[in-house]
């Protein structure tokens, strides 16, 4: 994310995606929608997938084509790769030259030679109070396919995906879970602070808290407490 991007820019981008991602329906349909939408809105993305599971036992639960399934199976075989490591290391990984990637040498060469994948962008999806971990991944046949803007849009999609997976665990729709979270007292106070400071709506204030929670991998309620105590919310920045 560029230094000049404002909180308002971030929530407006997030809001533009939400009507397509939180429609009523089974959560697995929402996950499929997130991957499909990702290919359309993340610059450079040709394929997308969502991974879920535990170290040593991951499964691709949504994908836009067979290619991510094949790429992911190689990662699961090696036990490392952008997707696997983003989930385990609790971070975001971007690579634009898989054949020469020193972090994942075996995987990178096979992904490029066998499947033509040169660039990947992978996010840990932060799931509150869930013993499973998950990640959102994007794939491209082009070198250095994912710039800062692509990483920002990917973060917003990962935020939606995390909410959808949390809803799946609770047997709820993602929209219902969002409403339940927003009713928390500390979250309500933080939303009020952000609304007053940045002249944004209630929904936009809640979205900012969700985005920050996803990016920092901290509970939304903890982020809200910090905002209530300090009166500020640090703008998420991708590495």
C-alpha atoms as a PDB file:
ATOM      1  CA  UNK A   1       0.000   0.000   0.000  1.00  0.00           C
ATOM      2  CA  UNK A   2       1.401   3.395  -0.937  1.00  0.00           C
ATOM      3  CA  UNK A   3       2.119   5.956   1.759  1.00  0.00           C
ATOM      4  CA  UNK A   4      -0.430   8.330   0.285  1.00  0.00           C
ATOM      5  CA  UNK A   5      -3.346   5.934   0.437  1.00  0.00           C
ATOM      6  CA  UNK A   6      -5.883   7.049   3.044  1.00  0.00           C
ATOM      7  CA  UNK A   7      -8.161   5.143   5.363  1.00  0.00           C
ATOM      8  CA  UNK A   8     -11.071   6.352   3.279  1.00  0.00           C
ATOM      9  CA  UNK A   9      -9.497   4.914   0.115  1.00  0.00           C
ATOM     10  CA  UNK A  10      -9.065   1.577   1.851  1.00  0.00           C
ATOM     11  CA  UNK A  11     -12.615   1.253   3.122  1.00  0.00           C
ATOM     12  CA  UNK A  12     -14.065   2.428  -0.177  1.00  0.00           C
ATOM     13  CA  UNK A  13     -12.146  -0.311  -1.997  1.00  0.00           C
ATOM     14  CA  UNK A  14     -13.306  -2.823   0.608  1.00  0.00           C
ATOM     15  CA  UNK A  15     -16.921  -1.676   0.361  1.00  0.00           C
ATOM     16  CA  UNK A  16     -16.877  -2.000  -3.434  1.00  0.00           C
ATOM     17  CA  UNK A  17     -16.098  -5.714  -3.063  1.00  0.00           C
ATOM     18  CA  UNK A  18     -18.495  -6.556  -0.224  1.00  0.00           C
ATOM     19  CA  UNK A  19     -21.843  -6.755  -2.090  1.00  0.00           C
ATOM     20  CA  UNK A  20     -20.403  -9.514  -4.244  1.00  0.00           C
ATOM     21  CA  UNK A  21     -18.840 -11.456  -1.390  1.00  0.00           C
ATOM     22  CA  UNK A  22     -21.341 -11.448   1.466  1.00  0.00           C
ATOM     23  CA  UNK A  23     -24.506 -12.399  -0.343  1.00  0.00           C
ATOM     24  CA  UNK A  24     -26.686 -14.907   1.528  1.00  0.00           C
ATOM     25  CA  UNK A  25     -25.826 -18.513   0.795  1.00  0.00           C
ATOM     26  CA  UNK A  26     -23.566 -21.401   1.840  1.00  0.00           C
ATOM     27  CA  UNK A  27     -20.124 -20.310   2.990  1.00  0.00           C
ATOM     28  CA  UNK A  28     -18.359 -22.604   0.528  1.00  0.00           C
ATOM     29  CA  UNK A  29     -20.140 -20.686  -2.244  1.00  0.00           C
ATOM     30  CA  UNK A  30     -18.792 -17.471  -0.740  1.00  0.00           C
ATOM     31  CA  UNK A  31     -15.258 -18.886  -0.781  1.00  0.00           C
ATOM     32  CA  UNK A  32     -15.633 -19.822  -4.430  1.00  0.00           C
ATOM     33  CA  UNK A  33     -16.901 -16.314  -5.131  1.00  0.00           C
ATOM     34  CA  UNK A  34     -13.849 -14.822  -3.389  1.00  0.00           C
ATOM     35  CA  UNK A  35     -11.433 -16.778  -5.585  1.00  0.00           C
ATOM     36  CA  UNK A  36     -13.398 -15.974  -8.738  1.00  0.00           C
ATOM     37  CA  UNK A  37     -13.630 -12.304  -7.820  1.00  0.00           C
ATOM     38  CA  UNK A  38      -9.928 -12.295  -6.988  1.00  0.00           C
ATOM     39  CA  UNK A  39      -8.946 -13.260 -10.514  1.00  0.00           C
ATOM     40  CA  UNK A  40     -11.021 -10.357 -11.826  1.00  0.00           C
ATOM     41  CA  UNK A  41      -9.904  -7.627  -9.425  1.00  0.00           C
ATOM     42  CA  UNK A  42      -6.340  -8.478  -8.330  1.00  0.00           C
ATOM     43  CA  UNK A  43      -4.000  -7.099 -11.006  1.00  0.00           C
ATOM     44  CA  UNK A  44      -1.830  -9.858 -12.456  1.00  0.00           C
ATOM     45  CA  UNK A  45      -3.877 -12.761 -11.048  1.00  0.00           C
ATOM     46  CA  UNK A  46      -4.670 -15.574 -13.488  1.00  0.00           C
ATOM     47  CA  UNK A  47      -5.789 -18.158 -10.924  1.00  0.00           C
ATOM     48  CA  UNK A  48      -6.776 -18.149  -7.257  1.00  0.00           C
ATOM     49  CA  UNK A  49      -7.383 -20.668  -4.455  1.00  0.00           C
ATOM     50  CA  UNK A  50      -8.060 -20.946  -0.726  1.00  0.00           C
ATOM     51  CA  UNK A  51      -6.208 -23.427   1.482  1.00  0.00           C
ATOM     52  CA  UNK A  52      -7.335 -24.632   4.902  1.00  0.00           C
ATOM     53  CA  UNK A  53      -6.079 -27.148   7.464  1.00  0.00           C
ATOM     54  CA  UNK A  54      -3.206 -27.765   9.874  1.00  0.00           C
ATOM     55  CA  UNK A  55       0.560 -28.052   9.335  1.00  0.00           C
ATOM     56  CA  UNK A  56       1.166 -31.271   7.439  1.00  0.00           C
ATOM     57  CA  UNK A  57      -2.509 -31.642   6.547  1.00  0.00           C
ATOM     58  CA  UNK A  58      -3.667 -28.881   4.225  1.00  0.00           C
ATOM     59  CA  UNK A  59      -6.482 -29.000   1.690  1.00  0.00           C
ATOM     60  CA  UNK A  60      -7.438 -26.653  -1.134  1.00  0.00           C
ATOM     61  CA  UNK A  61     -11.099 -25.859  -0.425  1.00  0.00           C
ATOM     62  CA  UNK A  62     -11.833 -23.465  -3.317  1.00  0.00           C
ATOM     63  CA  UNK A  63     -10.099 -22.846  -6.650  1.00  0.00           C
ATOM     64  CA  UNK A  64     -10.796 -21.124  -9.941  1.00  0.00           C
ATOM     65  CA  UNK A  65      -9.340 -23.960 -12.040  1.00  0.00           C
ATOM     66  CA  UNK A  66      -7.404 -27.207 -11.808  1.00  0.00           C
ATOM     67  CA  UNK A  67      -4.062 -25.382 -11.948  1.00  0.00           C
ATOM     68  CA  UNK A  68      -4.083 -24.135  -8.319  1.00  0.00           C
ATOM     69  CA  UNK A  69      -4.950 -27.665  -7.182  1.00  0.00           C
ATOM     70  CA  UNK A  70      -1.877 -28.982  -8.997  1.00  0.00           C
ATOM     71  CA  UNK A  71       0.368 -26.198  -7.720  1.00  0.00           C
ATOM     72  CA  UNK A  72      -0.877 -26.664  -4.164  1.00  0.00           C
ATOM     73  CA  UNK A  73      -0.394 -30.419  -4.297  1.00  0.00           C
ATOM     74  CA  UNK A  74       3.303 -29.831  -5.040  1.00  0.00           C
ATOM     75  CA  UNK A  75       3.539 -27.495  -2.044  1.00  0.00           C
ATOM     76  CA  UNK A  76       1.819 -30.024   0.200  1.00  0.00           C
ATOM     77  CA  UNK A  77       4.227 -32.694  -1.050  1.00  0.00           C
ATOM     78  CA  UNK A  78       7.299 -30.592  -0.223  1.00  0.00           C
ATOM     79  CA  UNK A  79       5.781 -29.136   2.926  1.00  0.00           C
ATOM     80  CA  UNK A  80       6.756 -25.620   1.882  1.00  0.00           C
ATOM     81  CA  UNK A  81       5.969 -22.906  -0.644  1.00  0.00           C
ATOM     82  CA  UNK A  82       4.396 -19.415  -0.621  1.00  0.00           C
ATOM     83  CA  UNK A  83       0.956 -20.754   0.342  1.00  0.00           C
ATOM     84  CA  UNK A  84       2.110 -23.186   3.027  1.00  0.00           C
ATOM     85  CA  UNK A  85       4.646 -20.807   4.543  1.00  0.00           C
ATOM     86  CA  UNK A  86       2.297 -17.807   4.539  1.00  0.00           C
ATOM     87  CA  UNK A  87      -0.124 -19.851   6.633  1.00  0.00           C
ATOM     88  CA  UNK A  88       2.468 -21.326   8.985  1.00  0.00           C
ATOM     89  CA  UNK A  89       4.548 -18.144   9.354  1.00  0.00           C
ATOM     90  CA  UNK A  90       1.438 -16.019   9.864  1.00  0.00           C
ATOM     91  CA  UNK A  91       2.384 -13.515   7.169  1.00  0.00           C
ATOM     92  CA  UNK A  92       2.164 -12.590   3.468  1.00  0.00           C
ATOM     93  CA  UNK A  93       4.518 -13.851   0.776  1.00  0.00           C
ATOM     94  CA  UNK A  94       4.994 -12.533  -2.750  1.00  0.00           C
ATOM     95  CA  UNK A  95       7.398 -13.920  -5.342  1.00  0.00           C
ATOM     96  CA  UNK A  96       7.883 -12.996  -8.985  1.00  0.00           C
ATOM     97  CA  UNK A  97      10.555 -15.488 -10.044  1.00  0.00           C
ATOM     98  CA  UNK A  98       9.686 -18.970  -8.812  1.00  0.00           C
ATOM     99  CA  UNK A  99      12.261 -20.831 -10.968  1.00  0.00           C
ATOM    100  CA  UNK A 100      15.073 -18.977  -9.154  1.00  0.00           C
ATOM    101  CA  UNK A 101      13.367 -18.629  -5.763  1.00  0.00           C
ATOM    102  CA  UNK A 102      15.854 -19.584  -3.044  1.00  0.00           C
ATOM    103  CA  UNK A 103      13.177 -19.788  -0.339  1.00  0.00           C
ATOM    104  CA  UNK A 104      11.358 -22.668  -2.065  1.00  0.00           C
ATOM    105  CA  UNK A 105      13.853 -24.194  -4.531  1.00  0.00           C
ATOM    106  CA  UNK A 106      12.257 -27.577  -5.179  1.00  0.00           C
ATOM    107  CA  UNK A 107       8.731 -26.270  -5.300  1.00  0.00           C
ATOM    108  CA  UNK A 108       9.585 -23.197  -7.378  1.00  0.00           C
ATOM    109  CA  UNK A 109      11.284 -25.140 -10.150  1.00  0.00           C
ATOM    110  CA  UNK A 110       8.519 -27.723 -10.410  1.00  0.00           C
ATOM    111  CA  UNK A 111       5.744 -25.113 -10.370  1.00  0.00           C
ATOM    112  CA  UNK A 112       7.443 -23.245 -13.203  1.00  0.00           C
ATOM    113  CA  UNK A 113       8.567 -26.195 -15.306  1.00  0.00           C
ATOM    114  CA  UNK A 114       5.494 -28.406 -14.936  1.00  0.00           C
ATOM    115  CA  UNK A 115       2.722 -25.809 -14.640  1.00  0.00           C
ATOM    116  CA  UNK A 116       4.143 -22.535 -15.948  1.00  0.00           C
ATOM    117  CA  UNK A 117       3.598 -20.607 -12.703  1.00  0.00           C
ATOM    118  CA  UNK A 118       6.188 -17.858 -12.242  1.00  0.00           C
ATOM    119  CA  UNK A 119       4.610 -15.510  -9.662  1.00  0.00           C
ATOM    120  CA  UNK A 120       2.570 -16.165  -6.522  1.00  0.00           C
ATOM    121  CA  UNK A 121       0.921 -13.982  -3.882  1.00  0.00           C
ATOM    122  CA  UNK A 122      -0.175 -15.716  -0.675  1.00  0.00           C
ATOM    123  CA  UNK A 123      -1.938 -14.383   2.430  1.00  0.00           C
ATOM    124  CA  UNK A 124      -2.528 -15.918   5.832  1.00  0.00           C
ATOM    125  CA  UNK A 125      -6.244 -15.598   6.558  1.00  0.00           C
ATOM    126  CA  UNK A 126      -6.614 -14.722  10.225  1.00  0.00           C
ATOM    127  CA  UNK A 127      -9.369 -16.814  11.825  1.00  0.00           C
ATOM    128  CA  UNK A 128     -10.377 -15.857  15.364  1.00  0.00           C
ATOM    129  CA  UNK A 129     -10.908 -18.716  17.834  1.00  0.00           C
ATOM    130  CA  UNK A 130     -10.387 -21.422  15.198  1.00  0.00           C
ATOM    131  CA  UNK A 131      -7.999 -24.356  15.492  1.00  0.00           C
ATOM    132  CA  UNK A 132      -7.651 -24.485  11.694  1.00  0.00           C
ATOM    133  CA  UNK A 133      -5.495 -22.114   9.661  1.00  0.00           C
ATOM    134  CA  UNK A 134      -6.086 -20.882   6.130  1.00  0.00           C
ATOM    135  CA  UNK A 135      -4.620 -18.900   3.261  1.00  0.00           C
ATOM    136  CA  UNK A 136      -5.666 -17.078   0.094  1.00  0.00           C
ATOM    137  CA  UNK A 137      -3.416 -17.524  -2.941  1.00  0.00           C
ATOM    138  CA  UNK A 138      -2.975 -15.994  -6.389  1.00  0.00           C
ATOM    139  CA  UNK A 139      -0.986 -17.433  -9.296  1.00  0.00           C
ATOM    140  CA  UNK A 140       0.423 -15.998 -12.533  1.00  0.00           C
ATOM    141  CA  UNK A 141       2.469 -17.166 -15.507  1.00  0.00           C
ATOM    142  CA  UNK A 142       4.109 -13.715 -15.719  1.00  0.00           C
ATOM    143  CA  UNK A 143       7.243 -12.620 -13.799  1.00  0.00           C
ATOM    144  CA  UNK A 144       6.790 -10.012 -11.042  1.00  0.00           C
ATOM    145  CA  UNK A 145       3.041 -10.077 -11.620  1.00  0.00           C
ATOM    146  CA  UNK A 146       1.894  -8.684  -8.263  1.00  0.00           C
ATOM    147  CA  UNK A 147       2.590  -5.035  -7.406  1.00  0.00           C
ATOM    148  CA  UNK A 148       1.615  -3.087  -4.275  1.00  0.00           C
ATOM    149  CA  UNK A 149      -1.884  -2.424  -5.560  1.00  0.00           C
ATOM    150  CA  UNK A 150      -2.413  -6.143  -6.165  1.00  0.00           C
ATOM    151  CA  UNK A 151      -1.229  -6.849  -2.630  1.00  0.00           C
ATOM    152  CA  UNK A 152      -3.673  -4.313  -1.192  1.00  0.00           C
ATOM    153  CA  UNK A 153      -6.681  -5.765  -3.039  1.00  0.00           C
ATOM    154  CA  UNK A 154      -5.547  -9.244  -2.032  1.00  0.00           C
ATOM    155  CA  UNK A 155      -5.519  -8.163   1.617  1.00  0.00           C
ATOM    156  CA  UNK A 156      -9.119  -6.980   1.336  1.00  0.00           C
ATOM    157  CA  UNK A 157     -10.187 -10.286  -0.199  1.00  0.00           C
ATOM    158  CA  UNK A 158      -8.309 -12.214   2.489  1.00  0.00           C
ATOM    159  CA  UNK A 159     -10.261 -10.229   5.093  1.00  0.00           C
ATOM    160  CA  UNK A 160     -13.547 -11.308   3.515  1.00  0.00           C
ATOM    161  CA  UNK A 161     -12.342 -14.888   3.233  1.00  0.00           C
ATOM    162  CA  UNK A 162     -11.380 -15.050   6.893  1.00  0.00           C
ATOM    163  CA  UNK A 163     -14.838 -13.851   7.904  1.00  0.00           C
ATOM    164  CA  UNK A 164     -16.476 -16.429   5.649  1.00  0.00           C
ATOM    165  CA  UNK A 165     -14.385 -19.289   7.062  1.00  0.00           C
ATOM    166  CA  UNK A 166     -15.130 -18.187  10.637  1.00  0.00           C
ATOM    167  CA  UNK A 167     -18.822 -18.154   9.763  1.00  0.00           C
ATOM    168  CA  UNK A 168     -18.541 -21.667   8.335  1.00  0.00           C
ATOM    169  CA  UNK A 169     -17.129 -22.919  11.639  1.00  0.00           C
ATOM    170  CA  UNK A 170     -20.062 -21.387  13.524  1.00  0.00           C
ATOM    171  CA  UNK A 171     -22.669 -22.586  11.070  1.00  0.00           C
ATOM    172  CA  UNK A 172     -23.652 -19.011  10.235  1.00  0.00           C
ATOM    173  CA  UNK A 173     -23.590 -16.806   7.183  1.00  0.00           C
ATOM    174  CA  UNK A 174     -20.681 -14.372   6.959  1.00  0.00           C
ATOM    175  CA  UNK A 175     -23.086 -11.434   7.060  1.00  0.00           C
ATOM    176  CA  UNK A 176     -24.661 -12.710  10.296  1.00  0.00           C
ATOM    177  CA  UNK A 177     -21.251 -13.136  11.905  1.00  0.00           C
ATOM    178  CA  UNK A 178     -20.296  -9.596  10.924  1.00  0.00           C
ATOM    179  CA  UNK A 179     -23.423  -8.233  12.599  1.00  0.00           C
ATOM    180  CA  UNK A 180     -22.693 -10.245  15.748  1.00  0.00           C
ATOM    181  CA  UNK A 181     -19.127  -8.978  15.933  1.00  0.00           C
ATOM    182  CA  UNK A 182     -20.134  -5.366  15.419  1.00  0.00           C
ATOM    183  CA  UNK A 183     -22.445  -5.509  18.453  1.00  0.00           C
ATOM    184  CA  UNK A 184     -19.485  -5.939  20.829  1.00  0.00           C
ATOM    185  CA  UNK A 185     -19.226  -2.940  23.193  1.00  0.00           C
ATOM    186  CA  UNK A 186     -15.487  -2.248  22.699  1.00  0.00           C
ATOM    187  CA  UNK A 187     -15.894  -2.571  18.976  1.00  0.00           C
ATOM    188  CA  UNK A 188     -18.773  -0.127  19.097  1.00  0.00           C
ATOM    189  CA  UNK A 189     -16.666   2.436  20.962  1.00  0.00           C
ATOM    190  CA  UNK A 190     -13.807   2.055  18.467  1.00  0.00           C
ATOM    191  CA  UNK A 191     -16.206   2.434  15.565  1.00  0.00           C
ATOM    192  CA  UNK A 192     -17.480   5.678  17.083  1.00  0.00           C
ATOM    193  CA  UNK A 193     -13.931   7.013  17.395  1.00  0.00           C
ATOM    194  CA  UNK A 194     -13.125   6.210  13.769  1.00  0.00           C
ATOM    195  CA  UNK A 195     -16.415   7.627  12.522  1.00  0.00           C
ATOM    196  CA  UNK A 196     -15.765  10.936  14.275  1.00  0.00           C
ATOM    197  CA  UNK A 197     -12.118  11.173  13.220  1.00  0.00           C
ATOM    198  CA  UNK A 198     -12.387  10.185   9.589  1.00  0.00           C
ATOM    199  CA  UNK A 199     -15.968  11.175   8.756  1.00  0.00           C
ATOM    200  CA  UNK A 200     -16.857   7.658   7.657  1.00  0.00           C
ATOM    201  CA  UNK A 201     -19.951   5.537   8.106  1.00  0.00           C
ATOM    202  CA  UNK A 202     -20.576   2.922  10.781  1.00  0.00           C
ATOM    203  CA  UNK A 203     -20.082   0.107   8.290  1.00  0.00           C
ATOM    204  CA  UNK A 204     -16.856   1.630   6.991  1.00  0.00           C
ATOM    205  CA  UNK A 205     -15.496   1.989  10.527  1.00  0.00           C
ATOM    206  CA  UNK A 206     -16.223  -1.686  11.197  1.00  0.00           C
ATOM    207  CA  UNK A 207     -14.565  -2.618   7.901  1.00  0.00           C
ATOM    208  CA  UNK A 208     -11.396  -0.768   8.914  1.00  0.00           C
ATOM    209  CA  UNK A 209     -11.230  -2.758  12.130  1.00  0.00           C
ATOM    210  CA  UNK A 210     -11.681  -6.006  10.207  1.00  0.00           C
ATOM    211  CA  UNK A 211      -8.993  -5.103   7.670  1.00  0.00           C
ATOM    212  CA  UNK A 212      -6.508  -4.200  10.414  1.00  0.00           C
ATOM    213  CA  UNK A 213      -7.302  -7.388  12.322  1.00  0.00           C
ATOM    214  CA  UNK A 214      -6.622  -9.461   9.200  1.00  0.00           C
ATOM    215  CA  UNK A 215      -3.381  -7.653   8.379  1.00  0.00           C
ATOM    216  CA  UNK A 216      -1.916  -7.720  11.894  1.00  0.00           C
ATOM    217  CA  UNK A 217      -3.334 -11.172  12.764  1.00  0.00           C
ATOM    218  CA  UNK A 218      -4.785  -9.874  16.008  1.00  0.00           C
ATOM    219  CA  UNK A 219      -8.305 -10.300  17.341  1.00  0.00           C
ATOM    220  CA  UNK A 220     -10.724  -7.642  16.197  1.00  0.00           C
ATOM    221  CA  UNK A 221     -11.699  -6.952  19.809  1.00  0.00           C
ATOM    222  CA  UNK A 222      -8.044  -6.292  20.728  1.00  0.00           C
ATOM    223  CA  UNK A 223      -7.703  -3.842  17.838  1.00  0.00           C
ATOM    224  CA  UNK A 224     -10.896  -2.136  19.007  1.00  0.00           C
ATOM    225  CA  UNK A 225      -9.587  -1.805  22.573  1.00  0.00           C
ATOM    226  CA  UNK A 226      -6.413  -0.136  21.297  1.00  0.00           C
ATOM    227  CA  UNK A 227      -8.470   2.331  19.249  1.00  0.00           C
ATOM    228  CA  UNK A 228     -10.733   3.067  22.204  1.00  0.00           C
ATOM    229  CA  UNK A 229      -7.705   3.656  24.462  1.00  0.00           C
ATOM    230  CA  UNK A 230      -5.490   5.620  22.075  1.00  0.00           C
ATOM    231  CA  UNK A 231      -7.958   7.205  19.680  1.00  0.00           C
ATOM    232  CA  UNK A 232      -5.920   6.083  16.687  1.00  0.00           C
ATOM    233  CA  UNK A 233      -5.796   3.214  14.185  1.00  0.00           C
ATOM    234  CA  UNK A 234      -2.562   2.555  12.339  1.00  0.00           C
ATOM    235  CA  UNK A 235      -3.059   2.239   8.581  1.00  0.00           C
ATOM    236  CA  UNK A 236      -2.143  -1.298   7.477  1.00  0.00           C
ATOM    237  CA  UNK A 237       1.008  -1.469   5.369  1.00  0.00           C
ATOM    238  CA  UNK A 238       2.117  -4.491   3.384  1.00  0.00           C
ATOM    239  CA  UNK A 239       5.786  -5.500   3.295  1.00  0.00           C
END
